[in-house]
């Protein structure tokens, strides 16, 4: 690969493209987050489970998801003779 050639696409984990960064900036500059959190809290107290889920994910992060695998993954363990 030519060293002077610029990489394209998702060459770095966590790197946003320009359109994603622009959309994120527009949303953050136009949304009143404290008011949004208050409204979510009120809806959560009125047994709105979706509002409660969003509120917890925003406040504490999304819970780890369990992955079920039913097939073989094809990993071979090779041991060297010591």
PDB file of N, CA and C in Angstrom:
ATOM      1  N   UNK A   1       0.840  -1.182   0.000  1.00  0.00           N
ATOM      2  CA  UNK A   1       0.000   0.000   0.000  1.00  0.00           C
ATOM      3  C   UNK A   1       0.882   1.242   0.000  1.00  0.00           C
ATOM      4  N   UNK A   2       0.520   2.204  -0.804  1.00  0.00           N
ATOM      5  CA  UNK A   2       1.293   3.435  -0.918  1.00  0.00           C
ATOM      6  C   UNK A   2       1.189   4.230   0.382  1.00  0.00           C
ATOM      7  N   UNK A   3       2.328   4.640   0.934  1.00  0.00           N
ATOM      8  CA  UNK A   3       2.336   5.364   2.212  1.00  0.00           C
ATOM      9  C   UNK A   3       1.701   6.739   2.097  1.00  0.00           C
ATOM     10  N   UNK A   4       1.723   7.347   0.912  1.00  0.00           N
ATOM     11  CA  UNK A   4       1.153   8.682   0.725  1.00  0.00           C
ATOM     12  C   UNK A   4      -0.356   8.644   0.493  1.00  0.00           C
ATOM     13  N   UNK A   5      -0.899   7.461   0.290  1.00  0.00           N
ATOM     14  CA  UNK A   5      -2.325   7.330   0.031  1.00  0.00           C
ATOM     15  C   UNK A   5      -3.099   7.408   1.338  1.00  0.00           C
ATOM     16  N   UNK A   6      -4.121   8.238   1.374  1.00  0.00           N
ATOM     17  CA  UNK A   6      -4.923   8.425   2.574  1.00  0.00           C
ATOM     18  C   UNK A   6      -5.924   7.293   2.718  1.00  0.00           C
ATOM     19  N   UNK A   7      -6.054   6.764   3.934  1.00  0.00           N
ATOM     20  CA  UNK A   7      -7.032   5.713   4.201  1.00  0.00           C
ATOM     21  C   UNK A   7      -8.428   6.322   4.198  1.00  0.00           C
ATOM     22  N   UNK A   8      -9.381   5.565   3.732  1.00  0.00           N
ATOM     23  CA  UNK A   8     -10.772   6.008   3.715  1.00  0.00           C
ATOM     24  C   UNK A   8     -11.626   5.020   4.494  1.00  0.00           C
ATOM     25  N   UNK A   9     -12.769   5.474   4.940  1.00  0.00           N
ATOM     26  CA  UNK A   9     -13.688   4.593   5.650  1.00  0.00           C
ATOM     27  C   UNK A   9     -13.408   4.574   7.138  1.00  0.00           C
ATOM     28  N   UNK A  10     -13.836   3.516   7.760  1.00  0.00           N
ATOM     29  CA  UNK A  10     -13.711   3.417   9.217  1.00  0.00           C
ATOM     30  C   UNK A  10     -12.361   2.827   9.582  1.00  0.00           C
ATOM     31  N   UNK A  11     -11.323   3.608   9.386  1.00  0.00           N
ATOM     32  CA  UNK A  11      -9.979   3.114   9.665  1.00  0.00           C
ATOM     33  C   UNK A  11      -9.587   3.261  11.128  1.00  0.00           C
ATOM     34  N   UNK A  12     -10.334   4.029  11.891  1.00  0.00           N
ATOM     35  CA  UNK A  12     -10.050   4.176  13.321  1.00  0.00           C
ATOM     36  C   UNK A  12     -11.339   3.985  14.110  1.00  0.00           C
ATOM     37  N   UNK A  13     -11.273   3.206  15.144  1.00  0.00           N
ATOM     38  CA  UNK A  13     -12.437   2.977  15.991  1.00  0.00           C
ATOM     39  C   UNK A  13     -12.799   4.264  16.730  1.00  0.00           C
ATOM     40  N   UNK A  14     -14.079   4.607  16.721  1.00  0.00           N
ATOM     41  CA  UNK A  14     -14.548   5.788  17.431  1.00  0.00           C
ATOM     42  C   UNK A  14     -14.426   7.084  16.652  1.00  0.00           C
ATOM     43  N   UNK A  15     -13.903   7.028  15.470  1.00  0.00           N
ATOM     44  CA  UNK A  15     -13.731   8.232  14.648  1.00  0.00           C
ATOM     45  C   UNK A  15     -15.032   8.494  13.890  1.00  0.00           C
ATOM     46  N   UNK A  16     -15.590   9.685  14.071  1.00  0.00           N
ATOM     47  CA  UNK A  16     -16.846  10.020  13.404  1.00  0.00           C
ATOM     48  C   UNK A  16     -16.570  10.637  12.044  1.00  0.00           C
ATOM     49  N   UNK A  17     -17.478  10.374  11.112  1.00  0.00           N
ATOM     50  CA  UNK A  17     -17.356  11.060   9.838  1.00  0.00           C
ATOM     51  C   UNK A  17     -17.956  12.460   9.986  1.00  0.00           C
ATOM     52  N   UNK A  18     -17.798  13.300   8.971  1.00  0.00           N
ATOM     53  CA  UNK A  18     -18.207  14.701   9.078  1.00  0.00           C
ATOM     54  C   UNK A  18     -19.706  14.856   9.264  1.00  0.00           C
ATOM     55  N   UNK A  19     -20.509  14.049   8.562  1.00  0.00           N
ATOM     56  CA  UNK A  19     -21.960  14.204   8.680  1.00  0.00           C
ATOM     57  C   UNK A  19     -22.454  13.790  10.066  1.00  0.00           C
ATOM     58  N   UNK A  20     -21.886  12.729  10.644  1.00  0.00           N
ATOM     59  CA  UNK A  20     -22.266  12.309  11.997  1.00  0.00           C
ATOM     60  C   UNK A  20     -21.908  13.381  13.015  1.00  0.00           C
ATOM     61  N   UNK A  21     -20.720  13.957  12.884  1.00  0.00           N
ATOM     62  CA  UNK A  21     -20.292  15.012  13.800  1.00  0.00           C
ATOM     63  C   UNK A  21     -21.195  16.239  13.667  1.00  0.00           C
ATOM     64  N   UNK A  22     -21.593  16.581  12.439  1.00  0.00           N
ATOM     65  CA  UNK A  22     -22.465  17.735  12.215  1.00  0.00           C
ATOM     66  C   UNK A  22     -23.842  17.513  12.829  1.00  0.00           C
ATOM     67  N   UNK A  23     -24.412  16.336  12.629  1.00  0.00           N
ATOM     68  CA  UNK A  23     -25.734  16.025  13.196  1.00  0.00           C
ATOM     69  C   UNK A  23     -25.674  16.052  14.720  1.00  0.00           C
ATOM     70  N   UNK A  24     -24.635  15.459  15.292  1.00  0.00           N
ATOM     71  CA  UNK A  24     -24.487  15.450  16.749  1.00  0.00           C
ATOM     72  C   UNK A  24     -24.380  16.870  17.292  1.00  0.00           C
ATOM     73  N   UNK A  25     -23.621  17.716  16.616  1.00  0.00           N
ATOM     74  CA  UNK A  25     -23.471  19.111  17.040  1.00  0.00           C
ATOM     75  C   UNK A  25     -24.803  19.862  16.965  1.00  0.00           C
ATOM     76  N   UNK A  26     -25.563  19.647  15.884  1.00  0.00           N
ATOM     77  CA  UNK A  26     -26.861  20.312  15.739  1.00  0.00           C
ATOM     78  C   UNK A  26     -27.840  19.882  16.829  1.00  0.00           C
ATOM     79  N   UNK A  27     -27.879  18.598  17.131  1.00  0.00           N
ATOM     80  CA  UNK A  27     -28.788  18.106  18.167  1.00  0.00           C
ATOM     81  C   UNK A  27     -28.403  18.675  19.529  1.00  0.00           C
ATOM     82  N   UNK A  28     -27.112  18.639  19.855  1.00  0.00           N
ATOM     83  CA  UNK A  28     -26.672  19.108  21.159  1.00  0.00           C
ATOM     84  C   UNK A  28     -26.856  20.616  21.323  1.00  0.00           C
ATOM     85  N   UNK A  29     -26.790  21.362  20.242  1.00  0.00           N
ATOM     86  CA  UNK A  29     -26.941  22.810  20.359  1.00  0.00           C
ATOM     87  C   UNK A  29     -28.407  23.244  20.401  1.00  0.00           C
ATOM     88  N   UNK A  30     -29.339  22.373  19.973  1.00  0.00           N
ATOM     89  CA  UNK A  30     -30.740  22.772  19.884  1.00  0.00           C
ATOM     90  C   UNK A  30     -31.667  22.064  20.872  1.00  0.00           C
ATOM     91  N   UNK A  31     -31.137  21.190  21.715  1.00  0.00           N
ATOM     92  CA  UNK A  31     -31.977  20.446  22.656  1.00  0.00           C
ATOM     93  C   UNK A  31     -31.660  20.901  24.081  1.00  0.00           C
ATOM     94  N   UNK A  32     -32.714  21.182  24.839  1.00  0.00           N
ATOM     95  CA  UNK A  32     -32.569  21.555  26.251  1.00  0.00           C
ATOM     96  C   UNK A  32     -32.545  20.261  27.064  1.00  0.00           C
ATOM     97  N   UNK A  33     -31.335  19.728  27.301  1.00  0.00           N
ATOM     98  CA  UNK A  33     -31.202  18.428  27.945  1.00  0.00           C
ATOM     99  C   UNK A  33     -31.738  18.389  29.375  1.00  0.00           C
ATOM    100  N   UNK A  34     -31.543  19.410  30.217  1.00  0.00           N
ATOM    101  CA  UNK A  34     -32.146  19.343  31.558  1.00  0.00           C
ATOM    102  C   UNK A  34     -33.677  19.225  31.513  1.00  0.00           C
ATOM    103  N   UNK A  35     -34.317  19.952  30.602  1.00  0.00           N
ATOM    104  CA  UNK A  35     -35.774  19.865  30.471  1.00  0.00           C
ATOM    105  C   UNK A  35     -36.184  18.483  29.947  1.00  0.00           C
ATOM    106  N   UNK A  36     -35.406  17.949  29.032  1.00  0.00           N
ATOM    107  CA  UNK A  36     -35.689  16.624  28.496  1.00  0.00           C
ATOM    108  C   UNK A  36     -35.596  15.561  29.593  1.00  0.00           C
ATOM    109  N   UNK A  37     -34.581  15.648  30.433  1.00  0.00           N
ATOM    110  CA  UNK A  37     -34.409  14.694  31.533  1.00  0.00           C
ATOM    111  C   UNK A  37     -35.564  14.811  32.522  1.00  0.00           C
ATOM    112  N   UNK A  38     -35.993  16.049  32.818  1.00  0.00           N
ATOM    113  CA  UNK A  38     -37.135  16.239  33.728  1.00  0.00           C
ATOM    114  C   UNK A  38     -38.394  15.589  33.159  1.00  0.00           C
ATOM    115  N   UNK A  39     -38.650  15.786  31.852  1.00  0.00           N
ATOM    116  CA  UNK A  39     -39.844  15.201  31.231  1.00  0.00           C
ATOM    117  C   UNK A  39     -39.771  13.678  31.231  1.00  0.00           C
ATOM    118  N   UNK A  40     -38.574  13.133  30.955  1.00  0.00           N
ATOM    119  CA  UNK A  40     -38.415  11.680  31.002  1.00  0.00           C
ATOM    120  C   UNK A  40     -38.660  11.147  32.412  1.00  0.00           C
ATOM    121  N   UNK A  41     -38.173  11.869  33.425  1.00  0.00           N
ATOM    122  CA  UNK A  41     -38.360  11.440  34.815  1.00  0.00           C
ATOM    123  C   UNK A  41     -39.839  11.450  35.188  1.00  0.00           C
ATOM    124  N   UNK A  42     -40.562  12.453  34.758  1.00  0.00           N
ATOM    125  CA  UNK A  42     -42.000  12.537  35.043  1.00  0.00           C
ATOM    126  C   UNK A  42     -42.736  11.378  34.377  1.00  0.00           C
ATOM    127  N   UNK A  43     -42.401  11.103  33.111  1.00  0.00           N
ATOM    128  CA  UNK A  43     -43.052  10.000  32.400  1.00  0.00           C
ATOM    129  C   UNK A  43     -42.689   8.653  33.017  1.00  0.00           C
ATOM    130  N   UNK A  44     -41.444   8.513  33.478  1.00  0.00           N
ATOM    131  CA  UNK A  44     -41.022   7.267  34.107  1.00  0.00           C
ATOM    132  C   UNK A  44     -41.787   7.031  35.405  1.00  0.00           C
ATOM    133  N   UNK A  45     -42.049   8.112  36.162  1.00  0.00           N
ATOM    134  CA  UNK A  45     -42.807   7.978  37.411  1.00  0.00           C
ATOM    135  C   UNK A  45     -44.277   7.643  37.159  1.00  0.00           C
ATOM    136  N   UNK A  46     -44.742   7.884  35.925  1.00  0.00           N
ATOM    137  CA  UNK A  46     -46.121   7.540  35.566  1.00  0.00           C
ATOM    138  C   UNK A  46     -46.179   6.180  34.872  1.00  0.00           C
ATOM    139  N   UNK A  47     -45.201   5.316  35.169  1.00  0.00           N
ATOM    140  CA  UNK A  47     -45.142   3.943  34.660  1.00  0.00           C
ATOM    141  C   UNK A  47     -44.921   3.840  33.152  1.00  0.00           C
ATOM    142  N   UNK A  48     -44.237   4.797  32.560  1.00  0.00           N
ATOM    143  CA  UNK A  48     -43.848   4.702  31.156  1.00  0.00           C
ATOM    144  C   UNK A  48     -42.503   3.980  31.117  1.00  0.00           C
ATOM    145  N   UNK A  49     -42.530   2.687  30.780  1.00  0.00           N
ATOM    146  CA  UNK A  49     -41.319   1.879  30.849  1.00  0.00           C
ATOM    147  C   UNK A  49     -40.267   2.316  29.833  1.00  0.00           C
ATOM    148  N   UNK A  50     -40.681   2.770  28.657  1.00  0.00           N
ATOM    149  CA  UNK A  50     -39.711   3.223  27.647  1.00  0.00           C
ATOM    150  C   UNK A  50     -38.981   4.465  28.139  1.00  0.00           C
ATOM    151  N   UNK A  51     -39.690   5.393  28.783  1.00  0.00           N
ATOM    152  CA  UNK A  51     -39.053   6.592  29.334  1.00  0.00           C
ATOM    153  C   UNK A  51     -38.085   6.219  30.441  1.00  0.00           C
ATOM    154  N   UNK A  52     -38.468   5.260  31.277  1.00  0.00           N
ATOM    155  CA  UNK A  52     -37.576   4.812  32.356  1.00  0.00           C
ATOM    156  C   UNK A  52     -36.318   4.175  31.790  1.00  0.00           C
ATOM    157  N   UNK A  53     -36.469   3.370  30.748  1.00  0.00           N
ATOM    158  CA  UNK A  53     -35.321   2.719  30.111  1.00  0.00           C
ATOM    159  C   UNK A  53     -34.357   3.765  29.541  1.00  0.00           C
ATOM    160  N   UNK A  54     -34.884   4.742  28.822  1.00  0.00           N
ATOM    161  CA  UNK A  54     -34.050   5.805  28.244  1.00  0.00           C
ATOM    162  C   UNK A  54     -33.347   6.582  29.351  1.00  0.00           C
ATOM    163  N   UNK A  55     -34.074   6.889  30.417  1.00  0.00           N
ATOM    164  CA  UNK A  55     -33.513   7.648  31.531  1.00  0.00           C
ATOM    165  C   UNK A  55     -32.349   6.901  32.184  1.00  0.00           C
ATOM    166  N   UNK A  56     -32.520   5.604  32.427  1.00  0.00           N
ATOM    167  CA  UNK A  56     -31.447   4.813  33.035  1.00  0.00           C
ATOM    168  C   UNK A  56     -30.253   4.660  32.089  1.00  0.00           C
ATOM    169  N   UNK A  57     -30.522   4.440  30.807  1.00  0.00           N
ATOM    170  CA  UNK A  57     -29.418   4.303  29.859  1.00  0.00           C
ATOM    171  C   UNK A  57     -28.631   5.604  29.736  1.00  0.00           C
ATOM    172  N   UNK A  58     -29.319   6.727  29.794  1.00  0.00           N
ATOM    173  CA  UNK A  58     -28.638   8.020  29.731  1.00  0.00           C
ATOM    174  C   UNK A  58     -27.822   8.261  30.999  1.00  0.00           C
ATOM    175  N   UNK A  59     -28.393   7.907  32.140  1.00  0.00           N
ATOM    176  CA  UNK A  59     -27.730   8.191  33.407  1.00  0.00           C
ATOM    177  C   UNK A  59     -26.629   7.218  33.779  1.00  0.00           C
ATOM    178  N   UNK A  60     -26.810   5.940  33.439  1.00  0.00           N
ATOM    179  CA  UNK A  60     -25.875   4.917  33.903  1.00  0.00           C
ATOM    180  C   UNK A  60     -25.203   4.138  32.787  1.00  0.00           C
ATOM    181  N   UNK A  61     -25.575   4.369  31.562  1.00  0.00           N
ATOM    182  CA  UNK A  61     -25.016   3.612  30.444  1.00  0.00           C
ATOM    183  C   UNK A  61     -25.862   2.386  30.154  1.00  0.00           C
ATOM    184  N   UNK A  62     -25.761   1.921  28.940  1.00  0.00           N
ATOM    185  CA  UNK A  62     -26.547   0.768  28.524  1.00  0.00           C
ATOM    186  C   UNK A  62     -26.011  -0.494  29.189  1.00  0.00           C
ATOM    187  N   UNK A  63     -26.927  -1.336  29.636  1.00  0.00           N
ATOM    188  CA  UNK A  63     -26.545  -2.581  30.303  1.00  0.00           C
ATOM    189  C   UNK A  63     -25.865  -3.519  29.305  1.00  0.00           C
ATOM    190  N   UNK A  64     -24.924  -4.342  29.787  1.00  0.00           N
ATOM    191  CA  UNK A  64     -24.282  -5.311  28.891  1.00  0.00           C
ATOM    192  C   UNK A  64     -25.318  -6.271  28.309  1.00  0.00           C
ATOM    193  N   UNK A  65     -25.167  -6.582  27.046  1.00  0.00           N
ATOM    194  CA  UNK A  65     -26.107  -7.467  26.368  1.00  0.00           C
ATOM    195  C   UNK A  65     -25.562  -8.889  26.354  1.00  0.00           C
ATOM    196  N   UNK A  66     -26.431  -9.849  26.634  1.00  0.00           N
ATOM    197  CA  UNK A  66     -26.038 -11.253  26.618  1.00  0.00           C
ATOM    198  C   UNK A  66     -26.085 -11.755  25.187  1.00  0.00           C
ATOM    199  N   UNK A  67     -25.053 -12.467  24.782  1.00  0.00           N
ATOM    200  CA  UNK A  67     -25.016 -13.067  23.454  1.00  0.00           C
ATOM    201  C   UNK A  67     -25.107 -14.580  23.595  1.00  0.00           C
ATOM    202  N   UNK A  68     -26.036 -15.180  22.877  1.00  0.00           N
ATOM    203  CA  UNK A  68     -26.174 -16.631  22.870  1.00  0.00           C
ATOM    204  C   UNK A  68     -25.602 -17.158  21.566  1.00  0.00           C
ATOM    205  N   UNK A  69     -24.734 -18.140  21.678  1.00  0.00           N
ATOM    206  CA  UNK A  69     -24.133 -18.745  20.503  1.00  0.00           C
ATOM    207  C   UNK A  69     -24.478 -20.225  20.514  1.00  0.00           C
ATOM    208  N   UNK A  70     -25.090 -20.686  19.440  1.00  0.00           N
ATOM    209  CA  UNK A  70     -25.531 -22.072  19.421  1.00  0.00           C
ATOM    210  C   UNK A  70     -24.659 -22.964  18.550  1.00  0.00           C
ATOM    211  N   UNK A  71     -23.746 -22.392  17.794  1.00  0.00           N
ATOM    212  CA  UNK A  71     -22.923 -23.193  16.889  1.00  0.00           C
ATOM    213  C   UNK A  71     -21.472 -23.229  17.313  1.00  0.00           C
ATOM    214  N   UNK A  72     -20.688 -23.856  16.503  1.00  0.00           N
ATOM    215  CA  UNK A  72     -19.259 -23.965  16.752  1.00  0.00           C
ATOM    216  C   UNK A  72     -18.562 -22.701  16.261  1.00  0.00           C
ATOM    217  N   UNK A  73     -17.548 -22.276  16.972  1.00  0.00           N
ATOM    218  CA  UNK A  73     -16.809 -21.096  16.532  1.00  0.00           C
ATOM    219  C   UNK A  73     -15.522 -21.461  15.807  1.00  0.00           C
ATOM    220  N   UNK A  74     -15.184 -22.738  15.784  1.00  0.00           N
ATOM    221  CA  UNK A  74     -14.050 -23.194  14.998  1.00  0.00           C
ATOM    222  C   UNK A  74     -12.697 -22.773  15.525  1.00  0.00           C
ATOM    223  N   UNK A  75     -12.527 -22.697  16.821  1.00  0.00           N
ATOM    224  CA  UNK A  75     -11.245 -22.321  17.402  1.00  0.00           C
ATOM    225  C   UNK A  75     -10.472 -23.594  17.743  1.00  0.00           C
ATOM    226  N   UNK A  76      -9.231 -23.623  17.311  1.00  0.00           N
ATOM    227  CA  UNK A  76      -8.371 -24.767  17.636  1.00  0.00           C
ATOM    228  C   UNK A  76      -7.281 -24.302  18.576  1.00  0.00           C
ATOM    229  N   UNK A  77      -7.054 -25.072  19.617  1.00  0.00           N
ATOM    230  CA  UNK A  77      -6.003 -24.744  20.558  1.00  0.00           C
ATOM    231  C   UNK A  77      -4.784 -25.560  20.182  1.00  0.00           C
ATOM    232  N   UNK A  78      -3.683 -24.880  19.937  1.00  0.00           N
ATOM    233  CA  UNK A  78      -2.441 -25.542  19.556  1.00  0.00           C
ATOM    234  C   UNK A  78      -1.448 -25.333  20.675  1.00  0.00           C
ATOM    235  N   UNK A  79      -0.905 -26.432  21.172  1.00  0.00           N
ATOM    236  CA  UNK A  79       0.076 -26.339  22.256  1.00  0.00           C
ATOM    237  C   UNK A  79       1.423 -26.803  21.724  1.00  0.00           C
ATOM    238  N   UNK A  80       2.424 -26.067  22.044  1.00  0.00           N
ATOM    239  CA  UNK A  80       3.781 -26.460  21.682  1.00  0.00           C
ATOM    240  C   UNK A  80       4.309 -27.441  22.723  1.00  0.00           C
ATOM    241  N   UNK A  81       5.138 -28.335  22.279  1.00  0.00           N
ATOM    242  CA  UNK A  81       5.800 -29.243  23.209  1.00  0.00           C
ATOM    243  C   UNK A  81       6.894 -28.474  23.949  1.00  0.00           C
ATOM    244  N   UNK A  82       6.818 -28.496  25.226  1.00  0.00           N
ATOM    245  CA  UNK A  82       7.790 -27.740  26.028  1.00  0.00           C
ATOM    246  C   UNK A  82       8.856 -28.655  26.548  1.00  0.00           C
TER     247      UNK A  82
END
